Amino acid sequence: MKNLLYLIIFCFSFSGVAQNNDALVNHYEAFYKQMKAQGDIQGVINALTHLNVLKPSQARKDTLAYVYLNDGKYTQALNTIGIDYKATDSDIALEVKAIALKSLGELELSLPFYKAIYEKSQNAQVAYEIAEINLNLNNLTEAKNYIDLGLAQVKDTQGKSFYETQQPYTVPLKAALYYLDALVKFNENKDTNKAAAIALLDKALALEPQFNMALIAKNALSPQPKPTETKN
């Protein structure tokens, strides 16, 4: 009889906990929607964090990591979903890991994720990112391979933003790929490839004459006029 009584009490207690948990989940789901509607990023993060504690979900973790990423919190994004490559990674998880690792300077670690994204999308924008990473790692052959893939797939509507000036600006992605191609060409042989690199920079500037990075590179590579001698 005592055992039956304990079982009844346990069942009622468990039911109460479950109902309370469901109420909290409903509360934070409503809270999440409201914070999202208000554009309150910290509120969205708080809501998703509570929901992941109350009712864990990989999709929700991926969403939370993506919110962190868009808020520039790269370490928190990676802490949420990890940095290991998994065959089960969603498209969102791949994007978060790729961008966050690159932004934190972990270029080699970011490459597998960018390549996985490229295999799915065949997107010239992703090809540019992979080429740029390989250039920075001095993997020139691999960089050139992805530049060529990008040039074969690029669309006129695609652009690439640069931030080295006070006012960020966007150039056609094709121009950015030519600029990257020029850097690869020059680094292949700095003694003999200046003219070929300048020719590629001219292609970039033909598409966007105000492409600041290409102008800087061209000025650096172009022969400087000798100073005229002054007669006494």
C-alpha atoms as a PDB file:
ATOM      1  CA  MET A   1       0.000   0.000   0.000  1.00  0.00           C
ATOM      2  CA  LYS A   2       2.863   2.336   0.905  1.00  0.00           C
ATOM      3  CA  ASN A   3       4.591   1.542  -2.397  1.00  0.00           C
ATOM      4  CA  LEU A   4       1.416   2.368  -4.299  1.00  0.00           C
ATOM      5  CA  LEU A   5       1.103   5.661  -2.408  1.00  0.00           C
ATOM      6  CA  TYR A   6       4.708   6.597  -3.218  1.00  0.00           C
ATOM      7  CA  LEU A   7       4.104   5.732  -6.883  1.00  0.00           C
ATOM      8  CA  ILE A   8       1.019   7.973  -7.014  1.00  0.00           C
ATOM      9  CA  ILE A   9       2.912  10.851  -5.362  1.00  0.00           C
ATOM     10  CA  PHE A  10       5.835  10.397  -7.802  1.00  0.00           C
ATOM     11  CA  CYS A  11       3.506  10.398 -10.815  1.00  0.00           C
ATOM     12  CA  PHE A  12       1.788  13.571  -9.670  1.00  0.00           C
ATOM     13  CA  SER A  13       5.185  15.216  -8.984  1.00  0.00           C
ATOM     14  CA  PHE A  14       6.527  14.204 -12.386  1.00  0.00           C
ATOM     15  CA  SER A  15       3.385  15.482 -14.077  1.00  0.00           C
ATOM     16  CA  GLY A  16       3.752  18.803 -12.257  1.00  0.00           C
ATOM     17  CA  VAL A  17       7.390  19.163 -13.334  1.00  0.00           C
ATOM     18  CA  ALA A  18       6.516  18.316 -16.935  1.00  0.00           C
ATOM     19  CA  GLN A  19       3.680  20.844 -16.972  1.00  0.00           C
ATOM     20  CA  ASN A  20       5.936  23.481 -15.438  1.00  0.00           C
ATOM     21  CA  ASN A  21       8.649  22.752 -18.013  1.00  0.00           C
ATOM     22  CA  ASP A  22       6.133  22.997 -20.868  1.00  0.00           C
ATOM     23  CA  ALA A  23       4.929  26.324 -19.496  1.00  0.00           C
ATOM     24  CA  LEU A  24       8.502  27.653 -19.446  1.00  0.00           C
ATOM     25  CA  VAL A  25       9.116  26.438 -22.990  1.00  0.00           C
ATOM     26  CA  ASN A  26       5.937  28.176 -24.180  1.00  0.00           C
ATOM     27  CA  HIS A  27       6.972  31.334 -22.319  1.00  0.00           C
ATOM     28  CA  TYR A  28      10.438  31.485 -23.890  1.00  0.00           C
ATOM     29  CA  GLU A  29       9.126  30.627 -27.347  1.00  0.00           C
ATOM     30  CA  ALA A  30       6.770  33.598 -27.073  1.00  0.00           C
ATOM     31  CA  PHE A  31       9.602  35.703 -25.621  1.00  0.00           C
ATOM     32  CA  TYR A  32      11.850  34.705 -28.554  1.00  0.00           C
ATOM     33  CA  LYS A  33       9.233  35.751 -31.109  1.00  0.00           C
ATOM     34  CA  GLN A  34       8.730  39.084 -29.375  1.00  0.00           C
ATOM     35  CA  MET A  35      12.463  39.832 -29.108  1.00  0.00           C
ATOM     36  CA  LYS A  36      12.895  38.898 -32.767  1.00  0.00           C
ATOM     37  CA  ALA A  37      10.041  41.228 -33.752  1.00  0.00           C
ATOM     38  CA  GLN A  38      11.637  44.045 -31.756  1.00  0.00           C
ATOM     39  CA  GLY A  39      15.088  43.432 -33.219  1.00  0.00           C
ATOM     40  CA  ASP A  40      16.492  42.907 -29.719  1.00  0.00           C
ATOM     41  CA  ILE A  41      19.553  40.720 -30.388  1.00  0.00           C
ATOM     42  CA  GLN A  42      20.466  40.174 -26.742  1.00  0.00           C
ATOM     43  CA  GLY A  43      16.859  39.243 -25.995  1.00  0.00           C
ATOM     44  CA  VAL A  44      16.919  36.702 -28.855  1.00  0.00           C
ATOM     45  CA  ILE A  45      20.164  35.236 -27.482  1.00  0.00           C
ATOM     46  CA  ASN A  46      18.692  34.977 -23.964  1.00  0.00           C
ATOM     47  CA  ALA A  47      15.519  33.318 -25.229  1.00  0.00           C
ATOM     48  CA  LEU A  48      17.339  30.759 -27.370  1.00  0.00           C
ATOM     49  CA  THR A  49      19.761  29.968 -24.538  1.00  0.00           C
ATOM     50  CA  HIS A  50      16.881  29.248 -22.150  1.00  0.00           C
ATOM     51  CA  LEU A  51      15.120  27.147 -24.783  1.00  0.00           C
ATOM     52  CA  ASN A  52      18.275  25.108 -25.392  1.00  0.00           C
ATOM     53  CA  VAL A  53      18.476  24.373 -21.674  1.00  0.00           C
ATOM     54  CA  LEU A  54      14.805  23.481 -21.354  1.00  0.00           C
ATOM     55  CA  LYS A  55      14.376  21.621 -24.640  1.00  0.00           C
ATOM     56  CA  PRO A  56      17.716  20.984 -26.406  1.00  0.00           C
ATOM     57  CA  SER A  57      17.637  21.034 -30.196  1.00  0.00           C
ATOM     58  CA  GLN A  58      20.503  21.037 -32.709  1.00  0.00           C
ATOM     59  CA  ALA A  59      18.557  23.295 -35.041  1.00  0.00           C
ATOM     60  CA  ARG A  60      18.053  25.773 -32.196  1.00  0.00           C
ATOM     61  CA  LYS A  61      21.762  25.609 -31.298  1.00  0.00           C
ATOM     62  CA  ASP A  62      22.635  26.351 -34.923  1.00  0.00           C
ATOM     63  CA  THR A  63      20.260  29.319 -34.884  1.00  0.00           C
ATOM     64  CA  LEU A  64      21.791  30.655 -31.661  1.00  0.00           C
ATOM     65  CA  ALA A  65      25.294  30.292 -33.107  1.00  0.00           C
ATOM     66  CA  TYR A  66      24.173  32.176 -36.231  1.00  0.00           C
ATOM     67  CA  VAL A  67      22.778  35.012 -34.114  1.00  0.00           C
ATOM     68  CA  TYR A  68      26.100  35.226 -32.242  1.00  0.00           C
ATOM     69  CA  LEU A  69      27.934  35.270 -35.595  1.00  0.00           C
ATOM     70  CA  ASN A  70      25.850  38.137 -36.960  1.00  0.00           C
ATOM     71  CA  ASP A  71      26.488  40.042 -33.739  1.00  0.00           C
ATOM     72  CA  GLY A  72      30.254  39.648 -34.188  1.00  0.00           C
ATOM     73  CA  LYS A  73      30.563  37.245 -31.233  1.00  0.00           C
ATOM     74  CA  TYR A  74      32.629  34.616 -33.025  1.00  0.00           C
ATOM     75  CA  THR A  75      33.979  32.797 -29.958  1.00  0.00           C
ATOM     76  CA  GLN A  76      30.504  32.460 -28.464  1.00  0.00           C
ATOM     77  CA  ALA A  77      29.187  31.171 -31.813  1.00  0.00           C
ATOM     78  CA  LEU A  78      31.836  28.441 -31.912  1.00  0.00           C
ATOM     79  CA  ASN A  79      31.367  27.595 -28.238  1.00  0.00           C
ATOM     80  CA  THR A  80      27.702  26.971 -29.002  1.00  0.00           C
ATOM     81  CA  ILE A  81      28.206  24.408 -31.805  1.00  0.00           C
ATOM     82  CA  GLY A  82      31.907  23.455 -31.625  1.00  0.00           C
ATOM     83  CA  ILE A  83      34.642  23.596 -34.265  1.00  0.00           C
ATOM     84  CA  ASP A  84      34.764  19.957 -35.363  1.00  0.00           C
ATOM     85  CA  TYR A  85      33.653  19.046 -38.868  1.00  0.00           C
ATOM     86  CA  LYS A  86      30.642  16.701 -38.854  1.00  0.00           C
ATOM     87  CA  ALA A  87      28.952  15.030 -41.791  1.00  0.00           C
ATOM     88  CA  THR A  88      25.645  15.999 -40.162  1.00  0.00           C
ATOM     89  CA  ASP A  89      26.459  19.740 -40.023  1.00  0.00           C
ATOM     90  CA  SER A  90      23.605  21.865 -41.350  1.00  0.00           C
ATOM     91  CA  ASP A  91      24.215  24.616 -43.909  1.00  0.00           C
ATOM     92  CA  ILE A  92      23.920  27.150 -41.080  1.00  0.00           C
ATOM     93  CA  ALA A  93      26.491  25.297 -38.954  1.00  0.00           C
ATOM     94  CA  LEU A  94      28.947  25.130 -41.871  1.00  0.00           C
ATOM     95  CA  GLU A  95      28.586  28.860 -42.489  1.00  0.00           C
ATOM     96  CA  VAL A  96      29.009  29.744 -38.818  1.00  0.00           C
ATOM     97  CA  LYS A  97      32.134  27.610 -38.419  1.00  0.00           C
ATOM     98  CA  ALA A  98      33.701  28.861 -41.659  1.00  0.00           C
ATOM     99  CA  ILE A  99      33.153  32.574 -41.065  1.00  0.00           C
ATOM    100  CA  ALA A 100      33.826  32.538 -37.314  1.00  0.00           C
ATOM    101  CA  LEU A 101      37.095  30.622 -37.648  1.00  0.00           C
ATOM    102  CA  LYS A 102      38.291  32.867 -40.482  1.00  0.00           C
ATOM    103  CA  SER A 103      37.357  35.980 -38.518  1.00  0.00           C
ATOM    104  CA  LEU A 104      39.368  34.699 -35.542  1.00  0.00           C
ATOM    105  CA  GLY A 105      42.413  34.146 -37.758  1.00  0.00           C
ATOM    106  CA  GLU A 106      42.111  30.351 -37.782  1.00  0.00           C
ATOM    107  CA  LEU A 107      42.470  30.153 -41.553  1.00  0.00           C
ATOM    108  CA  GLU A 108      43.483  26.510 -41.927  1.00  0.00           C
ATOM    109  CA  LEU A 109      40.673  25.375 -39.627  1.00  0.00           C
ATOM    110  CA  SER A 110      38.132  27.381 -41.619  1.00  0.00           C
ATOM    111  CA  LEU A 111      39.065  25.860 -45.001  1.00  0.00           C
ATOM    112  CA  PRO A 112      37.229  22.490 -44.704  1.00  0.00           C
ATOM    113  CA  PHE A 113      33.986  24.307 -43.917  1.00  0.00           C
ATOM    114  CA  TYR A 114      34.310  26.732 -46.844  1.00  0.00           C
ATOM    115  CA  LYS A 115      35.098  23.812 -49.147  1.00  0.00           C
ATOM    116  CA  ALA A 116      32.044  21.907 -47.898  1.00  0.00           C
ATOM    117  CA  ILE A 117      29.897  24.987 -48.580  1.00  0.00           C
ATOM    118  CA  TYR A 118      31.411  25.343 -52.057  1.00  0.00           C
ATOM    119  CA  GLU A 119      30.750  21.688 -52.909  1.00  0.00           C
ATOM    120  CA  LYS A 120      27.080  22.270 -52.124  1.00  0.00           C
ATOM    121  CA  SER A 121      26.675  25.705 -53.701  1.00  0.00           C
ATOM    122  CA  GLN A 122      29.270  26.066 -56.506  1.00  0.00           C
ATOM    123  CA  ASN A 123      29.118  29.764 -55.615  1.00  0.00           C
ATOM    124  CA  ALA A 124      31.790  32.151 -56.934  1.00  0.00           C
ATOM    125  CA  GLN A 125      31.621  34.157 -53.710  1.00  0.00           C
ATOM    126  CA  VAL A 126      32.679  31.095 -51.712  1.00  0.00           C
ATOM    127  CA  ALA A 127      35.371  30.323 -54.291  1.00  0.00           C
ATOM    128  CA  TYR A 128      36.771  33.819 -53.649  1.00  0.00           C
ATOM    129  CA  GLU A 129      36.908  33.200 -49.891  1.00  0.00           C
ATOM    130  CA  ILE A 130      38.746  29.889 -50.380  1.00  0.00           C
ATOM    131  CA  ALA A 131      41.184  31.490 -52.833  1.00  0.00           C
ATOM    132  CA  GLU A 132      41.876  34.383 -50.462  1.00  0.00           C
ATOM    133  CA  ILE A 133      42.546  32.023 -47.548  1.00  0.00           C
ATOM    134  CA  ASN A 134      44.909  29.933 -49.658  1.00  0.00           C
ATOM    135  CA  LEU A 135      46.736  33.056 -50.816  1.00  0.00           C
ATOM    136  CA  ASN A 136      47.218  34.108 -47.193  1.00  0.00           C
ATOM    137  CA  LEU A 137      48.532  30.617 -46.425  1.00  0.00           C
ATOM    138  CA  ASN A 138      50.826  30.842 -49.483  1.00  0.00           C
ATOM    139  CA  ASN A 139      49.059  27.891 -51.147  1.00  0.00           C
ATOM    140  CA  LEU A 140      49.285  29.622 -54.518  1.00  0.00           C
ATOM    141  CA  THR A 141      48.305  26.675 -56.744  1.00  0.00           C
ATOM    142  CA  GLU A 142      45.153  26.041 -54.716  1.00  0.00           C
ATOM    143  CA  ALA A 143      44.367  29.771 -54.656  1.00  0.00           C
ATOM    144  CA  LYS A 144      44.670  29.960 -58.456  1.00  0.00           C
ATOM    145  CA  ASN A 145      42.447  26.909 -58.867  1.00  0.00           C
ATOM    146  CA  TYR A 146      39.595  28.524 -56.923  1.00  0.00           C
ATOM    147  CA  ILE A 147      40.073  31.894 -58.664  1.00  0.00           C
ATOM    148  CA  ASP A 148      39.593  30.134 -62.001  1.00  0.00           C
ATOM    149  CA  LEU A 149      36.509  28.344 -60.663  1.00  0.00           C
ATOM    150  CA  GLY A 150      35.135  31.647 -59.393  1.00  0.00           C
ATOM    151  CA  LEU A 151      35.733  33.426 -62.709  1.00  0.00           C
ATOM    152  CA  ALA A 152      33.945  30.599 -64.542  1.00  0.00           C
ATOM    153  CA  GLN A 153      30.892  30.845 -62.269  1.00  0.00           C
ATOM    154  CA  VAL A 154      30.678  34.521 -61.303  1.00  0.00           C
ATOM    155  CA  LYS A 155      27.485  36.446 -62.045  1.00  0.00           C
ATOM    156  CA  ASP A 156      27.330  40.131 -62.926  1.00  0.00           C
ATOM    157  CA  THR A 157      25.048  40.755 -59.946  1.00  0.00           C
ATOM    158  CA  GLN A 158      27.582  39.454 -57.404  1.00  0.00           C
ATOM    159  CA  GLY A 159      29.712  41.922 -55.477  1.00  0.00           C
ATOM    160  CA  LYS A 160      32.547  41.929 -52.953  1.00  0.00           C
ATOM    161  CA  SER A 161      32.837  44.469 -50.135  1.00  0.00           C
ATOM    162  CA  PHE A 162      36.101  45.983 -48.921  1.00  0.00           C
ATOM    163  CA  TYR A 163      36.672  47.809 -45.648  1.00  0.00           C
ATOM    164  CA  GLU A 164      40.170  49.310 -45.782  1.00  0.00           C
ATOM    165  CA  THR A 165      38.824  52.840 -46.251  1.00  0.00           C
ATOM    166  CA  GLN A 166      36.724  54.864 -43.820  1.00  0.00           C
ATOM    167  CA  GLN A 167      33.720  54.257 -46.032  1.00  0.00           C
ATOM    168  CA  PRO A 168      33.277  50.578 -46.991  1.00  0.00           C
ATOM    169  CA  TYR A 169      32.673  50.013 -50.694  1.00  0.00           C
ATOM    170  CA  THR A 170      31.594  47.189 -52.987  1.00  0.00           C
ATOM    171  CA  VAL A 171      33.063  46.193 -56.340  1.00  0.00           C
ATOM    172  CA  PRO A 172      31.909  43.561 -58.849  1.00  0.00           C
ATOM    173  CA  LEU A 173      33.000  40.139 -57.631  1.00  0.00           C
ATOM    174  CA  LYS A 174      34.636  39.542 -61.010  1.00  0.00           C
ATOM    175  CA  ALA A 175      36.881  42.576 -60.411  1.00  0.00           C
ATOM    176  CA  ALA A 176      37.767  41.257 -56.942  1.00  0.00           C
ATOM    177  CA  LEU A 177      38.711  37.883 -58.461  1.00  0.00           C
ATOM    178  CA  TYR A 178      41.001  39.598 -61.010  1.00  0.00           C
ATOM    179  CA  TYR A 179      42.596  41.535 -58.145  1.00  0.00           C
ATOM    180  CA  LEU A 180      43.188  38.300 -56.239  1.00  0.00           C
ATOM    181  CA  ASP A 181      44.529  36.683 -59.413  1.00  0.00           C
ATOM    182  CA  ALA A 182      47.041  39.542 -59.750  1.00  0.00           C
ATOM    183  CA  LEU A 183      48.282  38.986 -56.195  1.00  0.00           C
ATOM    184  CA  VAL A 184      48.717  35.272 -56.831  1.00  0.00           C
ATOM    185  CA  LYS A 185      50.545  35.931 -60.113  1.00  0.00           C
ATOM    186  CA  PHE A 186      52.916  38.396 -58.457  1.00  0.00           C
ATOM    187  CA  ASN A 187      53.647  36.079 -55.542  1.00  0.00           C
ATOM    188  CA  GLU A 188      54.440  33.210 -57.904  1.00  0.00           C
ATOM    189  CA  ASN A 189      57.511  35.110 -59.053  1.00  0.00           C
ATOM    190  CA  LYS A 190      58.036  38.640 -57.773  1.00  0.00           C
ATOM    191  CA  ASP A 191      60.944  39.291 -60.145  1.00  0.00           C
ATOM    192  CA  THR A 192      59.347  38.327 -63.447  1.00  0.00           C
ATOM    193  CA  ASN A 193      55.568  38.582 -62.976  1.00  0.00           C
ATOM    194  CA  LYS A 194      55.034  42.297 -62.301  1.00  0.00           C
ATOM    195  CA  ALA A 195      53.805  43.073 -65.804  1.00  0.00           C
ATOM    196  CA  ALA A 196      51.380  40.117 -65.831  1.00  0.00           C
ATOM    197  CA  ALA A 197      50.065  41.107 -62.404  1.00  0.00           C
ATOM    198  CA  ILE A 198      49.533  44.713 -63.555  1.00  0.00           C
ATOM    199  CA  ALA A 199      47.632  43.444 -66.613  1.00  0.00           C
ATOM    200  CA  LEU A 200      45.250  41.569 -64.291  1.00  0.00           C
ATOM    201  CA  LEU A 201      44.844  44.647 -62.109  1.00  0.00           C
ATOM    202  CA  ASP A 202      43.944  46.619 -65.252  1.00  0.00           C
ATOM    203  CA  LYS A 203      41.187  44.075 -65.913  1.00  0.00           C
ATOM    204  CA  ALA A 204      39.858  44.675 -62.395  1.00  0.00           C
ATOM    205  CA  LEU A 205      40.030  48.462 -62.830  1.00  0.00           C
ATOM    206  CA  ALA A 206      38.274  48.268 -66.195  1.00  0.00           C
ATOM    207  CA  LEU A 207      35.284  46.832 -64.318  1.00  0.00           C
ATOM    208  CA  GLU A 208      35.580  49.251 -61.393  1.00  0.00           C
ATOM    209  CA  PRO A 209      37.881  52.274 -61.900  1.00  0.00           C
ATOM    210  CA  GLN A 210      37.515  53.310 -58.237  1.00  0.00           C
ATOM    211  CA  PHE A 211      38.608  49.917 -56.875  1.00  0.00           C
ATOM    212  CA  ASN A 212      40.924  51.267 -54.172  1.00  0.00           C
ATOM    213  CA  MET A 213      42.794  48.042 -53.345  1.00  0.00           C
ATOM    214  CA  ALA A 214      43.533  47.420 -57.024  1.00  0.00           C
ATOM    215  CA  LEU A 215      44.749  51.013 -57.451  1.00  0.00           C
ATOM    216  CA  ILE A 216      47.055  50.662 -54.441  1.00  0.00           C
ATOM    217  CA  ALA A 217      48.451  47.362 -55.760  1.00  0.00           C
ATOM    218  CA  LYS A 218      48.980  48.783 -59.269  1.00  0.00           C
ATOM    219  CA  ASN A 219      50.801  51.838 -57.913  1.00  0.00           C
ATOM    220  CA  ALA A 220      53.020  49.591 -55.803  1.00  0.00           C
ATOM    221  CA  LEU A 221      53.912  47.355 -58.768  1.00  0.00           C
ATOM    222  CA  SER A 222      54.269  50.003 -61.460  1.00  0.00           C
ATOM    223  CA  PRO A 223      57.761  51.319 -62.251  1.00  0.00           C
ATOM    224  CA  GLN A 224      58.323  54.604 -60.483  1.00  0.00           C
ATOM    225  CA  PRO A 225      59.613  57.513 -62.606  1.00  0.00           C
ATOM    226  CA  LYS A 226      63.178  58.477 -61.864  1.00  0.00           C
ATOM    227  CA  PRO A 227      63.564  61.888 -60.254  1.00  0.00           C
ATOM    228  CA  THR A 228      64.765  64.521 -62.711  1.00  0.00           C
ATOM    229  CA  GLU A 229      68.190  65.908 -62.041  1.00  0.00           C
ATOM    230  CA  THR A 230      68.368  69.597 -61.287  1.00  0.00           C
ATOM    231  CA  LYS A 231      71.056  71.621 -63.020  1.00  0.00           C
ATOM    232  CA  ASN A 232      73.213  73.930 -60.963  1.00  0.00           C
END
